[in-house]
Amino acid sequence: MQKTPLFQRFFVLALPAFVMACGQDVSIIENSHCDGALQNSEDTVDSPYDQDGDGYFDGTNADCIATYTEDRLDCDDLNPDVNPGLDEISCDGFDNDCDDTTVDGEDIDGDGFTACEDEDCDDLNPDIFPGNAETPCNGVDDDCNPISLDDADDDGDGWTVCDQDCDDDEPLKNPGLEEICDDNLDNDCNGEIDEVCTEDWNGTWFLDQNVSYSCAWGYVELAFSTVDITHSNANLLIEGEGTKGQPGKTSGALTGWDFRTERKVTGGCTETYIFEGSFVTMDQFEADFTARYTGGQGQCGDCKTTVWSLVGTR
C-alpha cells in the first residue's frame, strides 16, 4: 500500500484549522459595527467610524446614528476641522459645527448678499451691497466698490461735490477760489459769474527787467524799467519814458484781457514801438515789447529791430 508523504499529511491535517482561523478573522471584520463596544478588529471603540480621529463618529452610518447622540455624530468624518464640538468659522466653506442653522455665509441683513462669496462689505446694513447705486455724499460705500468713491475729486482741485464744489469737472471752480474777471466762470461757486470784477489797469507797473538800448549815435535811447498804463473802456495807453522820450506813449485796444498798443515816429528812419500781450491777473501782465527801425539804406544807422519779453506787476 502506497504511503502519503509526511509533509502532505501535515498539510491536509492543518488546512481545516487554518481555514477556520481565517474565517474567524474575516467574520470579526465583517461583523464589526458602530456599537460603542470594542471589537477585536478595532484599535479603540468604533475607531473605523472615526476616520479623521477627531473623537466624533460617522454621521452617515446607520449603526452610529443608532448608537450615539447627535452631538457625537460627525457630518464630515474625513475632516478633523468639522464636528459638533467646534465653533463655526465664517466664510471658510465648511459647516464647522455640523449645525446647518449656523450657516457659513449667513445673509444677516437680508439684502441677498453675504459677507463671503458675494462680498457684502456691510452685512448689517441692507442698503449696502455690491451693485447698489452709489449715493454721493452720504458717507457710505453703497455699492461696496472703492472705485466709485462717495466723495471723488474728479478735477483734482482739492474740493469734492460733498465740499460744495459746484463743478467737479472744472479745477478753476471751487469755494476756495476768488472770482477771476472775464473768464465767464463762477470761480468761487457763489452762483454768480464775474460779479465783483472791476477791470482797472490804471497805474504804474514795474517790469522784471530794464529795457535798455542805444543806437544811431545816441539819437535813440531806450532806458526804462516801469510803464504807466491808462485804461478807459476798450482803450489802453502804455507809456515808457526813456531819456530821449522813447518809446513814449503807445496807444491801442484792449480785447478781453489781451492788448496791443503802438507808437510810430515817421521819418527817414521810421521808429515803431509796440507792446503786445495779456493781463494774466489783475496785478500782472506778460508782453513782448518790440522796437522796430525801418528806412532807406543807412538812414537808421546801427539801429536794429529788437524784442524784449517782459513781465509787469503792480
C-alpha atoms as a PDB file:
ATOM      1  CA  MET A   1       0.000   0.000   0.000  1.00  0.00           C
ATOM      2  CA  GLN A   2       1.414   3.449  -1.045  1.00  0.00           C
ATOM      3  CA  LYS A   3       2.100   5.813   1.856  1.00  0.00           C
ATOM      4  CA  THR A   4       1.300   9.529   1.781  1.00  0.00           C
ATOM      5  CA  PRO A   5       4.396  11.688   2.290  1.00  0.00           C
ATOM      6  CA  LEU A   6       4.687  13.209   5.753  1.00  0.00           C
ATOM      7  CA  PHE A   7       4.512  16.886   4.624  1.00  0.00           C
ATOM      8  CA  GLN A   8       1.336  16.138   2.596  1.00  0.00           C
ATOM      9  CA  ARG A   9      -0.338  14.552   5.597  1.00  0.00           C
ATOM     10  CA  PHE A  10       0.606  17.597   7.759  1.00  0.00           C
ATOM     11  CA  PHE A  11      -0.820  19.986   5.168  1.00  0.00           C
ATOM     12  CA  VAL A  12      -4.104  18.047   4.945  1.00  0.00           C
ATOM     13  CA  LEU A  13      -4.468  17.991   8.707  1.00  0.00           C
ATOM     14  CA  ALA A  14      -3.514  21.684   9.206  1.00  0.00           C
ATOM     15  CA  LEU A  15      -5.633  23.113   6.372  1.00  0.00           C
ATOM     16  CA  PRO A  16      -9.037  22.958   8.136  1.00  0.00           C
ATOM     17  CA  ALA A  17      -7.634  24.751  11.202  1.00  0.00           C
ATOM     18  CA  PHE A  18      -6.020  27.460   9.032  1.00  0.00           C
ATOM     19  CA  VAL A  19      -9.231  27.970   7.088  1.00  0.00           C
ATOM     20  CA  MET A  20     -11.192  28.118  10.318  1.00  0.00           C
ATOM     21  CA  ALA A  21      -8.856  30.735  11.761  1.00  0.00           C
ATOM     22  CA  CYS A  22      -9.027  32.887   8.591  1.00  0.00           C
ATOM     23  CA  GLY A  23     -12.773  32.597   8.509  1.00  0.00           C
ATOM     24  CA  GLN A  24     -12.925  33.752  12.086  1.00  0.00           C
ATOM     25  CA  ASP A  25     -10.838  36.911  11.330  1.00  0.00           C
ATOM     26  CA  VAL A  26     -12.961  37.787   8.289  1.00  0.00           C
ATOM     27  CA  SER A  27     -16.060  37.248  10.337  1.00  0.00           C
ATOM     28  CA  ILE A  28     -14.828  39.590  13.053  1.00  0.00           C
ATOM     29  CA  ILE A  29     -14.146  42.371  10.492  1.00  0.00           C
ATOM     30  CA  GLU A  30     -17.417  41.824   8.674  1.00  0.00           C
ATOM     31  CA  ASN A  31     -19.333  41.757  11.919  1.00  0.00           C
ATOM     32  CA  SER A  32     -17.703  44.954  13.281  1.00  0.00           C
ATOM     33  CA  HIS A  33     -20.371  47.531  13.975  1.00  0.00           C
ATOM     34  CA  CYS A  34     -20.519  51.122  15.221  1.00  0.00           C
ATOM     35  CA  ASP A  35     -21.984  49.929  18.507  1.00  0.00           C
ATOM     36  CA  GLY A  36     -19.998  51.565  21.292  1.00  0.00           C
ATOM     37  CA  ALA A  37     -18.150  48.309  22.096  1.00  0.00           C
ATOM     38  CA  LEU A  38     -14.508  47.433  21.431  1.00  0.00           C
ATOM     39  CA  GLN A  39     -14.201  44.801  18.688  1.00  0.00           C
ATOM     40  CA  ASN A  40     -11.110  42.619  18.083  1.00  0.00           C
ATOM     41  CA  SER A  41     -10.521  44.471  14.820  1.00  0.00           C
ATOM     42  CA  GLU A  42     -10.684  47.949  16.435  1.00  0.00           C
ATOM     43  CA  ASP A  43      -7.820  49.894  17.972  1.00  0.00           C
ATOM     44  CA  THR A  44     -10.252  51.885  20.070  1.00  0.00           C
ATOM     45  CA  VAL A  45     -14.018  51.754  20.402  1.00  0.00           C
ATOM     46  CA  ASP A  46     -15.541  52.230  16.938  1.00  0.00           C
ATOM     47  CA  SER A  47     -12.259  53.638  15.546  1.00  0.00           C
ATOM     48  CA  PRO A  48     -13.122  52.563  11.953  1.00  0.00           C
ATOM     49  CA  TYR A  49     -16.031  55.007  12.154  1.00  0.00           C
ATOM     50  CA  ASP A  50     -13.880  57.949  13.272  1.00  0.00           C
ATOM     51  CA  GLN A  51     -11.647  58.171  10.223  1.00  0.00           C
ATOM     52  CA  ASP A  52     -10.396  61.722  10.871  1.00  0.00           C
ATOM     53  CA  GLY A  53      -9.609  60.919  14.517  1.00  0.00           C
ATOM     54  CA  ASP A  54     -11.458  63.903  15.986  1.00  0.00           C
ATOM     55  CA  GLY A  55     -13.464  61.809  18.503  1.00  0.00           C
ATOM     56  CA  TYR A  56     -16.741  62.006  16.585  1.00  0.00           C
ATOM     57  CA  PHE A  57     -18.318  59.193  14.595  1.00  0.00           C
ATOM     58  CA  ASP A  58     -19.638  58.864  11.055  1.00  0.00           C
ATOM     59  CA  GLY A  59     -22.993  60.605  10.988  1.00  0.00           C
ATOM     60  CA  THR A  60     -23.965  58.835   7.760  1.00  0.00           C
ATOM     61  CA  ASN A  61     -23.655  55.327   9.264  1.00  0.00           C
ATOM     62  CA  ALA A  62     -26.943  53.849  10.483  1.00  0.00           C
ATOM     63  CA  ASP A  63     -25.296  51.963  13.363  1.00  0.00           C
ATOM     64  CA  CYS A  64     -23.529  55.134  14.584  1.00  0.00           C
ATOM     65  CA  ILE A  65     -26.795  57.064  14.372  1.00  0.00           C
ATOM     66  CA  ALA A  66     -28.487  54.353  16.436  1.00  0.00           C
ATOM     67  CA  THR A  67     -25.641  54.216  18.971  1.00  0.00           C
ATOM     68  CA  TYR A  68     -24.621  57.836  19.553  1.00  0.00           C
ATOM     69  CA  THR A  69     -26.449  61.056  20.331  1.00  0.00           C
ATOM     70  CA  GLU A  70     -26.481  63.832  17.750  1.00  0.00           C
ATOM     71  CA  ASP A  71     -23.711  65.771  19.490  1.00  0.00           C
ATOM     72  CA  ARG A  72     -21.336  62.810  18.889  1.00  0.00           C
ATOM     73  CA  LEU A  73     -22.096  62.388  15.167  1.00  0.00           C
ATOM     74  CA  ASP A  74     -19.642  63.822  12.640  1.00  0.00           C
ATOM     75  CA  CYS A  75     -21.143  65.398   9.496  1.00  0.00           C
ATOM     76  CA  ASP A  76     -17.784  65.046   7.685  1.00  0.00           C
ATOM     77  CA  ASP A  77     -15.736  62.148   9.041  1.00  0.00           C
ATOM     78  CA  LEU A  78     -12.839  62.882   6.685  1.00  0.00           C
ATOM     79  CA  ASN A  79     -12.171  66.398   8.005  1.00  0.00           C
ATOM     80  CA  PRO A  80     -10.932  66.885  11.602  1.00  0.00           C
ATOM     81  CA  ASP A  81     -11.901  70.577  11.383  1.00  0.00           C
ATOM     82  CA  VAL A  82     -15.576  69.641  11.111  1.00  0.00           C
ATOM     83  CA  ASN A  83     -17.526  68.180  14.054  1.00  0.00           C
ATOM     84  CA  PRO A  84     -20.270  69.219  16.527  1.00  0.00           C
ATOM     85  CA  GLY A  85     -17.717  70.322  19.126  1.00  0.00           C
ATOM     86  CA  LEU A  86     -16.291  73.164  17.032  1.00  0.00           C
ATOM     87  CA  ASP A  87     -17.375  76.774  16.580  1.00  0.00           C
ATOM     88  CA  GLU A  88     -18.484  77.917  13.148  1.00  0.00           C
ATOM     89  CA  ILE A  89     -15.821  79.801  11.180  1.00  0.00           C
ATOM     90  CA  SER A  90     -17.392  82.288   8.785  1.00  0.00           C
ATOM     91  CA  CYS A  91     -16.631  82.095   5.099  1.00  0.00           C
ATOM     92  CA  ASP A  92     -14.236  79.100   5.153  1.00  0.00           C
ATOM     93  CA  GLY A  93     -16.542  76.953   3.036  1.00  0.00           C
ATOM     94  CA  PHE A  94     -17.235  74.359   5.792  1.00  0.00           C
ATOM     95  CA  ASP A  95     -20.071  73.656   8.211  1.00  0.00           C
ATOM     96  CA  ASN A  96     -17.555  73.527  11.064  1.00  0.00           C
ATOM     97  CA  ASP A  97     -20.026  72.845  13.881  1.00  0.00           C
ATOM     98  CA  CYS A  98     -22.244  70.415  11.922  1.00  0.00           C
ATOM     99  CA  ASP A  99     -25.198  72.721  12.522  1.00  0.00           C
ATOM    100  CA  ASP A 100     -26.937  73.904   9.380  1.00  0.00           C
ATOM    101  CA  THR A 101     -28.620  76.728  11.284  1.00  0.00           C
ATOM    102  CA  THR A 102     -25.265  78.469  11.789  1.00  0.00           C
ATOM    103  CA  VAL A 103     -24.581  78.831   8.080  1.00  0.00           C
ATOM    104  CA  ASP A 104     -21.120  79.570   6.769  1.00  0.00           C
ATOM    105  CA  GLY A 105     -22.253  82.569   4.719  1.00  0.00           C
ATOM    106  CA  GLU A 106     -25.285  83.934   6.511  1.00  0.00           C
ATOM    107  CA  ASP A 107     -27.051  86.926   4.935  1.00  0.00           C
ATOM    108  CA  ILE A 108     -27.593  88.782   8.194  1.00  0.00           C
ATOM    109  CA  ASP A 109     -29.164  91.934   6.734  1.00  0.00           C
ATOM    110  CA  GLY A 110     -31.293  90.037   4.207  1.00  0.00           C
ATOM    111  CA  ASP A 111     -30.204  92.024   1.158  1.00  0.00           C
ATOM    112  CA  GLY A 112     -29.425  88.907  -0.890  1.00  0.00           C
ATOM    113  CA  PHE A 113     -25.652  89.152  -0.408  1.00  0.00           C
ATOM    114  CA  THR A 114     -23.389  87.583   2.208  1.00  0.00           C
ATOM    115  CA  ALA A 115     -20.041  88.665   3.568  1.00  0.00           C
ATOM    116  CA  CYS A 116     -18.424  85.645   1.915  1.00  0.00           C
ATOM    117  CA  GLU A 117     -18.507  84.860  -1.776  1.00  0.00           C
ATOM    118  CA  ASP A 118     -20.833  87.780  -2.555  1.00  0.00           C
ATOM    119  CA  GLU A 119     -18.531  90.279  -0.793  1.00  0.00           C
ATOM    120  CA  ASP A 120     -21.180  92.261   1.070  1.00  0.00           C
ATOM    121  CA  CYS A 121     -18.947  94.901   2.680  1.00  0.00           C
ATOM    122  CA  ASP A 122     -21.501  95.588   5.430  1.00  0.00           C
ATOM    123  CA  ASP A 123     -23.774  92.636   6.154  1.00  0.00           C
ATOM    124  CA  LEU A 124     -25.557  94.571   8.905  1.00  0.00           C
ATOM    125  CA  ASN A 125     -26.931  97.215   6.536  1.00  0.00           C
ATOM    126  CA  PRO A 126     -29.466  96.113   3.876  1.00  0.00           C
ATOM    127  CA  ASP A 127     -28.787  99.307   1.876  1.00  0.00           C
ATOM    128  CA  ILE A 128     -25.149  98.348   1.282  1.00  0.00           C
ATOM    129  CA  PHE A 129     -24.309  95.570  -1.173  1.00  0.00           C
ATOM    130  CA  PRO A 130     -22.452  95.016  -4.492  1.00  0.00           C
ATOM    131  CA  GLY A 131     -24.296  96.500  -7.458  1.00  0.00           C
ATOM    132  CA  ASN A 132     -26.281  99.024  -5.460  1.00  0.00           C
ATOM    133  CA  ALA A 133     -26.352 102.592  -6.787  1.00  0.00           C
ATOM    134  CA  GLU A 134     -23.788 104.862  -5.134  1.00  0.00           C
ATOM    135  CA  THR A 135     -25.391 107.827  -3.367  1.00  0.00           C
ATOM    136  CA  PRO A 136     -22.937 110.771  -3.312  1.00  0.00           C
ATOM    137  CA  CYS A 137     -22.071 112.454  -0.058  1.00  0.00           C
ATOM    138  CA  ASN A 138     -23.932 110.130   2.325  1.00  0.00           C
ATOM    139  CA  GLY A 139     -20.716 108.884   3.905  1.00  0.00           C
ATOM    140  CA  VAL A 140     -21.419 105.293   2.836  1.00  0.00           C
ATOM    141  CA  ASP A 141     -19.868 102.984   0.213  1.00  0.00           C
ATOM    142  CA  ASP A 142     -23.307 101.929  -1.039  1.00  0.00           C
ATOM    143  CA  ASP A 143     -22.083  99.637  -3.830  1.00  0.00           C
ATOM    144  CA  CYS A 144     -19.138  98.039  -1.972  1.00  0.00           C
ATOM    145  CA  ASN A 145     -16.841  99.365  -4.679  1.00  0.00           C
ATOM    146  CA  PRO A 146     -13.977 101.605  -3.525  1.00  0.00           C
ATOM    147  CA  ILE A 147     -13.502 102.855  -7.102  1.00  0.00           C
ATOM    148  CA  SER A 148     -16.863 104.630  -7.108  1.00  0.00           C
ATOM    149  CA  LEU A 149     -15.964 106.864  -4.182  1.00  0.00           C
ATOM    150  CA  ASP A 150     -18.573 108.639  -2.097  1.00  0.00           C
ATOM    151  CA  ASP A 151     -16.720 111.948  -2.471  1.00  0.00           C
ATOM    152  CA  ALA A 152     -14.449 111.725  -5.515  1.00  0.00           C
ATOM    153  CA  ASP A 153     -12.441 114.820  -6.501  1.00  0.00           C
ATOM    154  CA  ASP A 154     -12.718 114.391 -10.263  1.00  0.00           C
ATOM    155  CA  ASP A 155     -10.979 117.640 -11.250  1.00  0.00           C
ATOM    156  CA  GLY A 156      -8.204 117.315  -8.644  1.00  0.00           C
ATOM    157  CA  ASP A 157      -8.665 120.814  -7.203  1.00  0.00           C
ATOM    158  CA  GLY A 158      -8.850 119.604  -3.597  1.00  0.00           C
ATOM    159  CA  TRP A 159     -12.620 120.059  -3.385  1.00  0.00           C
ATOM    160  CA  THR A 160     -15.395 117.486  -3.889  1.00  0.00           C
ATOM    161  CA  VAL A 161     -19.095 117.839  -4.555  1.00  0.00           C
ATOM    162  CA  CYS A 162     -19.524 116.951  -0.895  1.00  0.00           C
ATOM    163  CA  ASP A 163     -17.447 120.077  -0.089  1.00  0.00           C
ATOM    164  CA  GLN A 164     -19.772 122.210  -2.259  1.00  0.00           C
ATOM    165  CA  ASP A 165     -17.569 122.112  -5.371  1.00  0.00           C
ATOM    166  CA  CYS A 166     -20.106 123.476  -7.853  1.00  0.00           C
ATOM    167  CA  ASP A 167     -18.341 121.900 -10.853  1.00  0.00           C
ATOM    168  CA  ASP A 168     -16.112 118.907 -10.110  1.00  0.00           C
ATOM    169  CA  ASP A 169     -15.013 118.744 -13.745  1.00  0.00           C
ATOM    170  CA  GLU A 170     -13.526 122.253 -13.707  1.00  0.00           C
ATOM    171  CA  PRO A 171     -10.478 122.913 -11.453  1.00  0.00           C
ATOM    172  CA  LEU A 172     -10.980 126.695 -11.776  1.00  0.00           C
ATOM    173  CA  LYS A 173     -14.290 126.450  -9.911  1.00  0.00           C
ATOM    174  CA  ASN A 174     -14.474 125.697  -6.189  1.00  0.00           C
ATOM    175  CA  PRO A 175     -15.429 127.537  -2.977  1.00  0.00           C
ATOM    176  CA  GLY A 176     -11.779 128.227  -2.141  1.00  0.00           C
ATOM    177  CA  LEU A 177     -11.091 130.419  -5.190  1.00  0.00           C
ATOM    178  CA  GLU A 178     -11.520 134.156  -5.721  1.00  0.00           C
ATOM    179  CA  GLU A 179     -13.523 135.329  -8.688  1.00  0.00           C
ATOM    180  CA  ILE A 180     -11.454 135.783 -11.874  1.00  0.00           C
ATOM    181  CA  CYS A 181     -12.702 138.516 -14.158  1.00  0.00           C
ATOM    182  CA  ASP A 182     -13.846 137.923 -17.718  1.00  0.00           C
ATOM    183  CA  ASP A 183     -13.331 134.141 -17.751  1.00  0.00           C
ATOM    184  CA  ASN A 184     -17.097 133.512 -17.794  1.00  0.00           C
ATOM    185  CA  LEU A 185     -16.783 131.090 -14.849  1.00  0.00           C
ATOM    186  CA  ASP A 186     -18.294 131.122 -11.388  1.00  0.00           C
ATOM    187  CA  ASN A 187     -14.833 130.657  -9.858  1.00  0.00           C
ATOM    188  CA  ASP A 188     -15.891 130.966  -6.213  1.00  0.00           C
ATOM    189  CA  CYS A 189     -19.052 128.828  -6.583  1.00  0.00           C
ATOM    190  CA  ASN A 190     -21.348 131.502  -5.179  1.00  0.00           C
ATOM    191  CA  GLY A 191     -23.831 131.253  -8.032  1.00  0.00           C
ATOM    192  CA  GLU A 192     -22.687 134.434  -9.807  1.00  0.00           C
ATOM    193  CA  ILE A 193     -20.224 134.930 -12.657  1.00  0.00           C
ATOM    194  CA  ASP A 194     -17.663 137.782 -12.590  1.00  0.00           C
ATOM    195  CA  GLU A 195     -19.888 139.580 -10.094  1.00  0.00           C
ATOM    196  CA  VAL A 196     -17.260 141.689  -8.296  1.00  0.00           C
ATOM    197  CA  CYS A 197     -14.869 142.293 -11.161  1.00  0.00           C
ATOM    198  CA  THR A 198     -13.854 145.847 -11.972  1.00  0.00           C
ATOM    199  CA  GLU A 199     -11.162 145.860 -14.596  1.00  0.00           C
ATOM    200  CA  ASP A 200      -8.901 148.703 -13.705  1.00  0.00           C
ATOM    201  CA  TRP A 201      -5.406 148.521 -15.171  1.00  0.00           C
ATOM    202  CA  ASN A 202      -4.526 152.137 -14.396  1.00  0.00           C
ATOM    203  CA  GLY A 203      -1.268 152.857 -12.634  1.00  0.00           C
ATOM    204  CA  THR A 204       2.447 152.315 -12.679  1.00  0.00           C
ATOM    205  CA  TRP A 205       3.662 148.813 -13.461  1.00  0.00           C
ATOM    206  CA  PHE A 206       7.132 147.547 -12.590  1.00  0.00           C
ATOM    207  CA  LEU A 207       8.954 145.468 -15.186  1.00  0.00           C
ATOM    208  CA  ASP A 208      11.006 142.365 -14.387  1.00  0.00           C
ATOM    209  CA  GLN A 209      13.928 143.813 -16.347  1.00  0.00           C
ATOM    210  CA  ASN A 210      15.290 147.130 -17.504  1.00  0.00           C
ATOM    211  CA  VAL A 211      14.710 147.892 -21.167  1.00  0.00           C
ATOM    212  CA  SER A 212      17.980 149.430 -22.315  1.00  0.00           C
ATOM    213  CA  TYR A 213      19.072 150.109 -25.898  1.00  0.00           C
ATOM    214  CA  SER A 214      21.033 152.836 -27.642  1.00  0.00           C
ATOM    215  CA  CYS A 215      21.713 153.314 -31.345  1.00  0.00           C
ATOM    216  CA  ALA A 216      22.024 155.947 -34.114  1.00  0.00           C
ATOM    217  CA  TRP A 217      24.909 157.650 -32.325  1.00  0.00           C
ATOM    218  CA  GLY A 218      22.746 158.171 -29.239  1.00  0.00           C
ATOM    219  CA  TYR A 219      19.777 159.636 -31.071  1.00  0.00           C
ATOM    220  CA  VAL A 220      17.747 156.604 -29.962  1.00  0.00           C
ATOM    221  CA  GLU A 221      17.977 155.912 -26.245  1.00  0.00           C
ATOM    222  CA  LEU A 222      15.687 153.337 -24.581  1.00  0.00           C
ATOM    223  CA  ALA A 223      16.076 153.133 -20.826  1.00  0.00           C
ATOM    224  CA  PHE A 224      13.037 152.350 -18.662  1.00  0.00           C
ATOM    225  CA  SER A 225      12.027 149.781 -16.004  1.00  0.00           C
ATOM    226  CA  THR A 226       8.427 150.901 -15.422  1.00  0.00           C
ATOM    227  CA  VAL A 227       5.469 151.721 -17.628  1.00  0.00           C
ATOM    228  CA  ASP A 228       2.373 153.821 -16.947  1.00  0.00           C
ATOM    229  CA  ILE A 229      -0.931 152.348 -18.102  1.00  0.00           C
ATOM    230  CA  THR A 230      -4.074 154.344 -18.700  1.00  0.00           C
ATOM    231  CA  HIS A 231      -7.253 152.350 -19.224  1.00  0.00           C
ATOM    232  CA  SER A 232     -10.598 153.636 -20.455  1.00  0.00           C
ATOM    233  CA  ASN A 233     -13.172 151.115 -21.675  1.00  0.00           C
ATOM    234  CA  ALA A 234     -11.500 149.249 -24.559  1.00  0.00           C
ATOM    235  CA  ASN A 235      -8.770 151.855 -24.980  1.00  0.00           C
ATOM    236  CA  LEU A 236      -5.335 151.384 -23.490  1.00  0.00           C
ATOM    237  CA  LEU A 237      -2.262 153.597 -23.306  1.00  0.00           C
ATOM    238  CA  ILE A 238       1.150 152.269 -22.296  1.00  0.00           C
ATOM    239  CA  GLU A 239       3.922 154.771 -21.779  1.00  0.00           C
ATOM    240  CA  GLY A 240       7.587 154.052 -21.238  1.00  0.00           C
ATOM    241  CA  GLU A 241       9.777 157.097 -20.878  1.00  0.00           C
ATOM    242  CA  GLY A 242      13.442 156.917 -21.783  1.00  0.00           C
ATOM    243  CA  THR A 243      15.971 159.714 -21.547  1.00  0.00           C
ATOM    244  CA  LYS A 244      15.245 160.790 -25.134  1.00  0.00           C
ATOM    245  CA  GLY A 245      11.492 160.302 -24.914  1.00  0.00           C
ATOM    246  CA  GLN A 246      11.436 156.836 -26.468  1.00  0.00           C
ATOM    247  CA  PRO A 247       9.261 154.837 -26.721  1.00  0.00           C
ATOM    248  CA  GLY A 248       6.854 157.465 -25.407  1.00  0.00           C
ATOM    249  CA  LYS A 249       3.087 156.931 -25.201  1.00  0.00           C
ATOM    250  CA  THR A 250       1.795 153.936 -27.187  1.00  0.00           C
ATOM    251  CA  SER A 251      -1.929 153.562 -27.743  1.00  0.00           C
ATOM    252  CA  GLY A 252      -4.179 150.724 -28.744  1.00  0.00           C
ATOM    253  CA  ALA A 253      -7.062 148.464 -27.842  1.00  0.00           C
ATOM    254  CA  LEU A 254      -7.902 146.021 -25.072  1.00  0.00           C
ATOM    255  CA  THR A 255      -9.796 142.868 -26.107  1.00  0.00           C
ATOM    256  CA  GLY A 256     -10.803 140.932 -23.033  1.00  0.00           C
ATOM    257  CA  TRP A 257      -7.508 140.734 -21.195  1.00  0.00           C
ATOM    258  CA  ASP A 258      -5.389 140.878 -24.376  1.00  0.00           C
ATOM    259  CA  PHE A 259      -3.887 144.136 -25.578  1.00  0.00           C
ATOM    260  CA  ARG A 260      -1.797 145.709 -28.338  1.00  0.00           C
ATOM    261  CA  THR A 261      -0.519 149.280 -28.318  1.00  0.00           C
ATOM    262  CA  GLU A 262       1.744 151.020 -30.818  1.00  0.00           C
ATOM    263  CA  ARG A 263       3.534 154.305 -31.458  1.00  0.00           C
ATOM    264  CA  LYS A 264       5.114 155.140 -34.818  1.00  0.00           C
ATOM    265  CA  VAL A 265       7.530 158.016 -35.388  1.00  0.00           C
ATOM    266  CA  THR A 266       7.943 158.532 -39.109  1.00  0.00           C
ATOM    267  CA  GLY A 267      10.945 159.975 -40.843  1.00  0.00           C
ATOM    268  CA  GLY A 268      13.947 158.923 -42.831  1.00  0.00           C
ATOM    269  CA  CYS A 269      14.201 156.118 -40.268  1.00  0.00           C
ATOM    270  CA  THR A 270      10.766 155.206 -39.001  1.00  0.00           C
ATOM    271  CA  GLU A 271      10.645 154.143 -35.356  1.00  0.00           C
ATOM    272  CA  THR A 272       7.823 151.778 -34.349  1.00  0.00           C
ATOM    273  CA  TYR A 273       7.300 150.786 -30.698  1.00  0.00           C
ATOM    274  CA  ILE A 274       4.820 148.011 -29.854  1.00  0.00           C
ATOM    275  CA  PHE A 275       3.555 146.430 -26.601  1.00  0.00           C
ATOM    276  CA  GLU A 276       1.615 143.218 -27.231  1.00  0.00           C
ATOM    277  CA  GLY A 277       0.474 140.745 -24.565  1.00  0.00           C
ATOM    278  CA  SER A 278      -2.137 139.874 -21.934  1.00  0.00           C
ATOM    279  CA  PHE A 279      -3.074 140.648 -18.360  1.00  0.00           C
ATOM    280  CA  VAL A 280      -2.605 137.376 -16.510  1.00  0.00           C
ATOM    281  CA  THR A 281      -4.172 138.609 -13.280  1.00  0.00           C
ATOM    282  CA  MET A 282      -5.408 141.969 -12.057  1.00  0.00           C
ATOM    283  CA  ASP A 283      -1.858 142.683 -10.949  1.00  0.00           C
ATOM    284  CA  GLN A 284       0.329 141.081 -13.609  1.00  0.00           C
ATOM    285  CA  PHE A 285       0.781 141.183 -17.368  1.00  0.00           C
ATOM    286  CA  GLU A 286       3.039 139.373 -19.810  1.00  0.00           C
ATOM    287  CA  ALA A 287       4.000 141.120 -23.057  1.00  0.00           C
ATOM    288  CA  ASP A 288       6.580 141.495 -25.777  1.00  0.00           C
ATOM    289  CA  PHE A 289       7.987 144.980 -26.338  1.00  0.00           C
ATOM    290  CA  THR A 290       9.279 145.477 -29.871  1.00  0.00           C
ATOM    291  CA  ALA A 291      11.462 148.355 -31.076  1.00  0.00           C
ATOM    292  CA  ARG A 292      11.441 148.316 -34.885  1.00  0.00           C
ATOM    293  CA  TYR A 293      13.519 150.588 -37.163  1.00  0.00           C
ATOM    294  CA  THR A 294      12.871 150.814 -40.933  1.00  0.00           C
ATOM    295  CA  GLY A 295      14.181 153.200 -43.538  1.00  0.00           C
ATOM    296  CA  GLY A 296      16.381 153.678 -46.528  1.00  0.00           C
ATOM    297  CA  GLN A 297      19.953 152.492 -46.750  1.00  0.00           C
ATOM    298  CA  GLY A 298      21.999 153.938 -43.932  1.00  0.00           C
ATOM    299  CA  GLN A 299      19.163 156.101 -42.620  1.00  0.00           C
ATOM    300  CA  CYS A 300      18.693 154.061 -39.403  1.00  0.00           C
ATOM    301  CA  GLY A 301      22.374 153.916 -38.678  1.00  0.00           C
ATOM    302  CA  ASP A 302      23.155 150.940 -36.463  1.00  0.00           C
ATOM    303  CA  CYS A 303      19.585 150.580 -35.083  1.00  0.00           C
ATOM    304  CA  LYS A 304      18.240 147.061 -35.377  1.00  0.00           C
ATOM    305  CA  THR A 305      14.815 145.668 -34.534  1.00  0.00           C
ATOM    306  CA  THR A 306      14.908 144.235 -31.000  1.00  0.00           C
ATOM    307  CA  VAL A 307      12.301 142.396 -28.876  1.00  0.00           C
ATOM    308  CA  TRP A 308      12.095 142.139 -25.060  1.00  0.00           C
ATOM    309  CA  SER A 309       9.823 139.636 -23.269  1.00  0.00           C
ATOM    310  CA  LEU A 310       8.502 141.428 -20.191  1.00  0.00           C
ATOM    311  CA  VAL A 311       6.506 140.677 -17.056  1.00  0.00           C
ATOM    312  CA  GLY A 312       4.869 143.657 -15.386  1.00  0.00           C
ATOM    313  CA  THR A 313       3.457 143.799 -11.857  1.00  0.00           C
ATOM    314  CA  ARG A 314       1.945 146.453  -9.655  1.00  0.00           C
END
